[in-house]
Protein backbone atom coordinates (compact mmCIF):
# COMPACT_ATOMS: atom_id res chain seq x y z
CA MET A 1 5.28 -4.15 19.70
CA GLU A 2 8.11 -1.91 18.51
CA ASN A 3 10.34 -4.95 17.94
CA ASN A 4 7.93 -6.55 15.48
CA PRO A 5 8.07 -4.75 12.12
CA VAL A 6 5.28 -6.90 10.69
CA ILE A 7 2.85 -5.78 13.39
CA ASN A 8 3.94 -2.17 12.96
CA GLY A 9 3.61 -2.37 9.18
CA LEU A 10 0.21 -4.06 9.03
CA LEU A 11 -1.29 -1.98 11.84
CA GLY A 12 0.25 1.08 10.20
CA VAL A 13 -1.67 0.35 7.00
CA ALA A 14 -4.94 -0.43 8.82
CA MET A 15 -4.78 2.58 11.12
CA GLY A 16 -4.00 4.96 8.26
CA ASP A 17 -6.84 3.49 6.21
CA ALA A 18 -9.29 3.85 9.11
CA LEU A 19 -8.19 7.44 9.75
CA GLY A 20 -8.76 8.27 6.09
CA VAL A 21 -12.07 6.48 5.43
CA PRO A 22 -14.38 9.23 6.80
CA PHE A 23 -12.73 11.86 4.58
CA GLU A 24 -12.58 9.99 1.27
CA PHE A 25 -13.41 12.11 -1.83
CA LYS A 26 -13.26 15.42 0.07
CA ARG A 27 -11.48 18.21 -1.80
CA SER A 28 -8.19 19.67 -0.61
CA TYR A 29 -9.76 23.06 0.13
CA THR A 30 -12.41 21.35 2.29
CA MET A 31 -9.71 19.54 4.25
CA LYS A 32 -7.70 22.73 4.60
CA ALA A 33 -10.70 24.48 6.15
CA ASN A 34 -11.54 21.54 8.45
CA PRO A 35 -8.45 19.34 8.76
CA ALA A 36 -8.44 15.81 10.11
CA THR A 37 -6.88 15.67 13.58
CA ASP A 38 -8.17 12.42 15.07
CA MET A 39 -9.73 9.01 14.46
CA VAL A 40 -13.39 9.80 13.78
CA GLY A 41 -16.37 7.86 12.50
CA TYR A 42 -19.11 8.21 9.90
CA GLY A 43 -18.34 10.88 7.29
CA THR A 44 -18.14 9.67 3.68
CA HIS A 45 -19.14 6.03 4.23
CA ASN A 46 -21.20 6.49 7.42
CA LEU A 47 -19.22 3.86 9.35
CA PRO A 48 -18.02 3.75 12.98
CA ALA A 49 -14.57 5.04 13.92
CA GLY A 50 -11.82 2.49 13.35
CA THR A 51 -13.37 0.97 10.22
CA TRP A 52 -10.85 0.20 7.48
CA SER A 53 -11.58 -0.49 3.83
CA ASP A 54 -10.38 -2.40 0.76
CA ASP A 55 -6.80 -1.17 1.19
CA THR A 56 -6.39 -3.07 4.44
CA SER A 57 -8.57 -6.01 3.40
CA LEU A 58 -6.38 -6.80 0.40
CA THR A 59 -3.20 -6.15 2.40
CA LEU A 60 -4.35 -8.73 4.94
CA CYS A 61 -5.40 -11.18 2.21
CA LEU A 62 -1.88 -10.96 0.76
CA ALA A 63 -0.31 -11.31 4.21
CA GLU A 64 -2.44 -14.36 4.97
CA SER A 65 -1.44 -16.01 1.71
CA LEU A 66 2.26 -15.33 2.29
CA VAL A 67 2.09 -17.13 5.65
CA SER A 68 1.85 -20.32 3.57
CA GLY A 69 4.54 -19.23 1.08
CA TYR A 70 4.56 -17.51 -2.30
CA ASP A 71 1.66 -18.73 -4.44
CA LEU A 72 -0.12 -16.48 -6.95
CA VAL A 73 -3.09 -18.83 -7.19
CA ASP A 74 -3.58 -18.80 -3.43
CA MET A 75 -3.29 -15.00 -3.39
CA SER A 76 -5.94 -14.88 -6.11
CA LYS A 77 -8.25 -17.11 -4.08
CA LYS A 78 -7.82 -14.91 -1.01
CA PHE A 79 -8.72 -11.83 -3.07
CA MET A 80 -11.76 -13.68 -4.44
CA ALA A 81 -12.84 -14.63 -0.91
CA TRP A 82 -12.78 -10.93 -0.03
CA ARG A 83 -14.66 -9.88 -3.17
CA TYR A 84 -17.37 -12.54 -3.02
CA ASP A 85 -17.54 -13.58 0.66
CA SER A 86 -16.34 -10.46 2.55
CA HIS A 87 -13.22 -12.27 3.84
CA TRP A 88 -10.93 -9.97 5.86
CA THR A 89 -13.42 -7.11 6.01
CA ALA A 90 -13.53 -4.79 9.00
CA ARG A 91 -17.15 -5.42 9.93
CA GLY A 92 -18.30 -8.32 7.75
CA LYS A 93 -19.29 -6.22 4.76
CA LEU A 94 -17.30 -5.21 1.69
CA PHE A 95 -17.36 -1.57 0.63
CA ASP A 96 -15.29 0.79 -1.51
CA ILE A 97 -13.99 -1.61 -4.18
CA GLY A 98 -12.19 0.04 -7.10
CA LYS A 99 -13.34 -0.67 -10.66
CA THR A 100 -9.98 -2.03 -11.85
CA THR A 101 -9.71 -4.28 -8.81
CA ARG A 102 -13.27 -5.56 -9.24
CA ILE A 103 -12.73 -6.40 -12.90
CA ALA A 104 -9.35 -8.00 -12.15
CA ILE A 105 -10.68 -10.26 -9.40
CA ASP A 106 -13.53 -11.37 -11.65
CA ARG A 107 -10.86 -12.19 -14.26
CA LEU A 108 -8.87 -14.19 -11.69
CA ASN A 109 -12.05 -16.09 -10.87
CA THR A 110 -12.44 -17.03 -14.54
CA TYR A 111 -8.82 -18.21 -14.78
CA ILE A 112 -9.20 -20.37 -11.68
CA GLU A 113 -12.52 -21.85 -12.82
CA GLU A 114 -10.76 -22.82 -16.07
CA ASP A 115 -7.63 -24.09 -14.26
CA ASP A 116 -5.63 -21.60 -16.34
CA PHE A 117 -2.97 -20.96 -13.71
CA GLU A 118 -0.38 -19.97 -16.31
CA ALA A 119 -2.56 -17.00 -17.27
CA ILE A 120 -2.32 -15.70 -13.70
CA LYS A 121 1.48 -15.81 -13.82
CA THR A 122 1.84 -14.23 -17.26
CA GLN A 123 -0.93 -11.62 -17.19
CA LYS A 124 1.56 -8.87 -16.33
CA TRP A 125 2.31 -8.72 -20.05
CA ALA A 126 -1.33 -7.86 -20.81
CA GLY A 127 -1.53 -4.54 -18.96
CA ASN A 128 -2.64 -1.22 -20.38
CA GLU A 129 -2.40 2.44 -19.38
CA TRP A 130 -5.77 2.33 -17.63
CA GLU A 131 -4.43 -0.13 -15.06
CA ASN A 132 -2.35 2.43 -13.20
CA GLY A 133 -4.60 3.14 -10.27
CA ASN A 134 -3.25 2.88 -6.73
CA GLY A 135 -4.99 -0.44 -5.98
CA SER A 136 -1.88 -2.62 -6.03
CA LEU A 137 0.36 -0.12 -4.24
CA MET A 138 -2.14 0.11 -1.38
CA ARG A 139 -1.89 -3.63 -0.60
CA ILE A 140 1.73 -4.43 -1.43
CA LEU A 141 3.49 -3.93 1.93
CA PRO A 142 3.38 -7.58 3.17
CA LEU A 143 5.39 -8.64 0.12
CA LEU A 144 8.36 -6.83 1.69
CA PHE A 145 8.81 -9.64 4.17
CA TYR A 146 9.06 -12.23 1.37
CA ILE A 147 11.37 -10.33 -1.01
CA LYS A 148 13.74 -8.73 1.52
CA GLY A 149 17.36 -9.61 0.86
CA LYS A 150 16.79 -10.91 -2.68
CA PRO A 151 18.60 -9.34 -5.68
CA ILE A 152 16.71 -6.29 -6.89
CA GLN A 153 15.88 -7.65 -10.35
CA GLU A 154 14.41 -10.79 -8.79
CA GLN A 155 12.48 -8.58 -6.39
CA PHE A 156 10.98 -6.63 -9.26
CA ASP A 157 9.93 -9.76 -11.15
CA ILE A 158 8.06 -10.90 -8.03
CA VAL A 159 6.58 -7.46 -7.35
CA TRP A 160 5.25 -7.19 -10.90
CA GLU A 161 3.58 -10.61 -10.66
CA VAL A 162 1.83 -9.66 -7.42
CA SER A 163 0.90 -6.16 -8.58
CA ALA A 164 -0.48 -7.65 -11.81
CA LEU A 165 -3.08 -9.69 -9.98
CA THR A 166 -5.11 -6.48 -10.06
CA HIS A 167 -2.97 -3.85 -11.87
CA ARG A 168 -0.99 -5.29 -14.77
CA HIS A 169 0.87 -2.26 -16.13
CA ILE A 170 4.59 -1.88 -15.43
CA ARG A 171 4.08 1.66 -14.04
CA ALA A 172 1.93 0.36 -11.20
CA ALA A 173 4.48 -2.39 -10.56
CA MET A 174 7.42 0.04 -10.52
CA SER A 175 5.56 2.24 -8.06
CA CYS A 176 5.21 -0.80 -5.80
CA MET A 177 8.91 -1.57 -6.25
CA ILE A 178 9.95 1.96 -5.25
CA TYR A 179 7.75 1.76 -2.16
CA LEU A 180 9.01 -1.66 -1.12
CA ARG A 181 12.66 -0.81 -1.72
CA LEU A 182 12.32 2.22 0.55
CA ALA A 183 10.52 0.05 3.09
CA GLU A 184 13.33 -2.51 2.95
CA HIS A 185 15.92 0.12 3.84
CA LEU A 186 13.71 1.28 6.72
CA LEU A 187 13.36 -2.34 7.85
CA ASN A 188 17.16 -2.59 7.87
CA GLY A 189 17.38 0.36 10.25
CA LYS A 190 18.35 3.21 7.94
CA GLU A 191 17.34 6.78 8.81
CA LYS A 192 14.51 7.78 6.48
CA THR A 193 16.39 10.38 4.41
CA GLU A 194 19.30 7.99 3.90
CA ALA A 195 16.83 5.21 3.06
CA TYR A 196 15.19 7.42 0.44
CA THR A 197 18.51 8.36 -1.20
CA LYS A 198 19.65 4.73 -1.22
CA MET A 199 16.35 3.63 -2.74
CA GLN A 200 16.74 6.20 -5.54
CA GLU A 201 20.20 4.81 -6.34
CA ASP A 202 18.92 1.24 -6.27
CA ILE A 203 15.99 2.01 -8.57
CA MET A 204 18.15 3.87 -11.10
CA GLY A 205 20.49 0.88 -11.12
CA LEU A 206 17.55 -1.45 -11.70
CA TRP A 207 16.34 0.67 -14.59
CA GLU A 208 19.72 0.37 -16.30
CA LYS A 209 19.81 -3.41 -15.82
CA MET A 210 16.33 -3.94 -17.21
CA ASN A 211 16.43 -1.18 -19.86
CA PHE A 212 13.36 0.46 -18.35
CA ALA A 213 11.73 2.54 -21.08
CA GLU A 214 12.40 6.29 -21.10
CA GLU A 215 8.71 6.97 -21.65
CA GLU A 216 8.03 5.24 -18.34
CA ARG A 217 10.98 6.75 -16.45
CA ILE A 218 9.60 10.23 -17.03
CA HIS A 219 6.63 9.50 -14.76
CA PHE A 220 8.99 8.90 -11.84
CA VAL A 221 11.21 11.99 -12.21
CA PRO A 222 9.90 13.76 -9.05
CA CYS A 223 10.40 10.66 -6.89
CA ILE A 224 13.60 9.22 -8.35
CA ALA A 225 15.57 11.74 -10.45
CA LYS A 226 14.71 14.64 -8.13
CA ASP A 227 14.04 14.94 -4.40
CA ILE A 228 10.30 14.60 -3.79
CA THR A 229 10.54 16.74 -0.65
CA THR A 230 11.42 19.80 -2.77
CA MET A 231 7.97 19.66 -4.37
CA ALA A 232 5.56 22.26 -2.99
CA ARG A 233 2.72 20.75 -0.96
CA GLU A 234 0.22 22.63 -3.15
CA ASP A 235 1.54 20.73 -6.18
CA LEU A 236 0.85 17.31 -4.68
CA LYS A 237 -2.17 15.46 -5.96
CA SER A 238 -3.70 12.59 -4.02
CA GLY A 239 -6.20 10.93 -6.30
CA GLY A 240 -6.52 7.39 -7.57
CA TYR A 241 -3.57 7.49 -10.01
CA VAL A 242 -0.67 5.44 -8.68
CA ILE A 243 1.96 8.14 -9.29
CA GLU A 244 -0.10 10.70 -7.36
CA ALA A 245 -0.52 8.30 -4.45
CA LEU A 246 3.19 7.42 -4.43
CA GLU A 247 4.32 11.05 -4.54
CA ALA A 248 1.92 12.21 -1.83
CA SER A 249 2.77 9.30 0.45
CA LEU A 250 6.54 9.66 0.10
CA TRP A 251 6.33 13.43 0.59
CA CYS A 252 4.26 13.22 3.78
CA PHE A 253 6.32 10.37 5.21
CA LEU A 254 9.61 12.18 4.58
CA GLN A 255 8.44 15.64 5.66
CA GLU A 256 6.68 14.77 8.91
CA ASN A 257 8.22 13.49 12.12
CA SER A 258 5.78 10.97 13.58
CA TYR A 259 3.27 8.35 12.48
CA ALA A 260 0.28 10.54 13.34
CA GLU A 261 1.70 13.64 11.65
CA ALA A 262 2.51 11.73 8.46
CA VAL A 263 -0.88 10.06 8.00
CA LEU A 264 -2.90 13.12 9.00
CA SER A 265 -0.79 15.23 6.65
CA VAL A 266 -1.62 13.03 3.66
CA ILE A 267 -5.31 12.81 4.63
CA ASN A 268 -5.45 16.60 4.68
CA LEU A 269 -4.52 16.66 1.00
CA GLY A 270 -8.01 15.24 0.40
CA HIS A 271 -9.30 13.01 -2.41
CA ASP A 272 -8.36 9.29 -2.01
CA THR A 273 -7.65 9.76 1.68
CA ASP A 274 -8.02 6.18 2.91
CA THR A 275 -5.62 4.80 0.32
CA THR A 276 -2.94 7.48 0.59
CA ALA A 277 -3.08 7.19 4.38
CA ALA A 278 -2.81 3.39 4.20
CA ILE A 279 0.24 3.67 1.92
CA THR A 280 1.85 6.35 4.09
CA GLY A 281 0.87 4.46 7.23
CA GLY A 282 2.73 1.34 6.16
CA LEU A 283 6.02 3.23 5.89
CA ALA A 284 5.41 5.33 9.00
CA GLY A 285 4.42 2.29 11.05
CA LEU A 286 7.60 0.49 10.03
CA TYR A 287 9.75 3.52 10.80
CA TYR A 288 8.22 5.04 13.94
CA GLY A 289 6.26 2.16 15.39
CA LEU A 290 2.85 2.85 16.88
CA ASN A 291 3.57 3.26 20.58
CA GLU A 292 3.25 7.05 20.38
CA VAL A 293 -0.16 7.18 18.69
CA PRO A 294 -3.21 7.86 20.88
CA GLU A 295 -4.33 4.76 22.78
CA ARG A 296 -7.87 5.31 21.55
CA TRP A 297 -6.73 4.71 17.96
CA HIS A 298 -5.63 1.24 18.98
CA GLN A 299 -8.82 0.63 20.96
CA VAL A 300 -11.27 1.49 18.20
CA LEU A 301 -9.35 -0.09 15.30
CA ALA A 302 -11.53 -2.86 13.88
CA ARG A 303 -10.17 -6.41 14.34
CA ARG A 304 -6.90 -5.18 15.80
CA GLY A 305 -6.35 -8.49 17.59
CA ASP A 306 -6.87 -10.46 14.37
CA ILE A 307 -4.37 -8.23 12.54
CA VAL A 308 -1.76 -8.69 15.28
CA ALA A 309 -2.28 -12.48 15.24
CA LEU A 310 -1.80 -12.58 11.46
CA ALA A 311 1.27 -10.35 11.72
CA ASN A 312 2.79 -12.71 14.27
CA GLN A 313 2.27 -15.64 11.88
CA LEU A 314 3.91 -13.72 9.03
CA HIS A 315 6.79 -12.71 11.30
CA ALA A 316 7.35 -16.32 12.34
CA LYS A 317 7.50 -17.35 8.66
CA TYR A 318 10.03 -14.78 7.41
CA PHE A 319 12.18 -13.73 10.39
């Protein structure tokens, strides 16, 4: 398994998501008093251990679409199949869909019914400040395997298109770009601190090339202009805002020294625990692999065999 980064990445997302689901919406002080230490069931959504949510579902929908190549319309149809027909759900039933994502997929449905495929490609220009939740960052990891090796400006154009299927604002897209650029350096074998520093340099270079607005750059100061690991843990937020999710995930990935430590660390910040753990888990799975996590986590993870089979298809396409 450790030689297949696609398996490690996709399982990393799913396992983090499943670890976080029972604790979603809990406050940080609640988690501090009773921290997560294992894969448990029930809790917030009253579901069995190993159940993952929308984060993983949409990640797997994107991965499945990319097996056939890069096609925004096909991605849209996969997202619609999840929203309306419970495609790629853990146990055959959709739960925990975000408002922005729900509205966006309904919008995609309208475009496709009207054969307005150009609107899908150009909708990134129609974003607003309210579309900066973490719902595109949580599902973006599979795009790494398509964009790896491409020039960074081309990468960003692609990332924004895919982010904009649900979250059209450039801030959400840039958060995805930061995450994927770090993931690309990890994929290429860099040590995580070196990968983080190199990503910062790459992103600052991209900003200069594209004249990224100063009023947007300011949101990324802790991650890009500074060193996120110097932020105090108490200052991290872990709610639904994309910047909060990005900061918390990078901090926990960089500070901890194993997959389990990283995802449990971000879950114990509370709030949007399934999503932050899915985001963190994607990076940690790529970097550490999953051979050291408890065997039971593998055993109870919903549809693990289906995820591995899909990952093998994606690996065959892009490696």
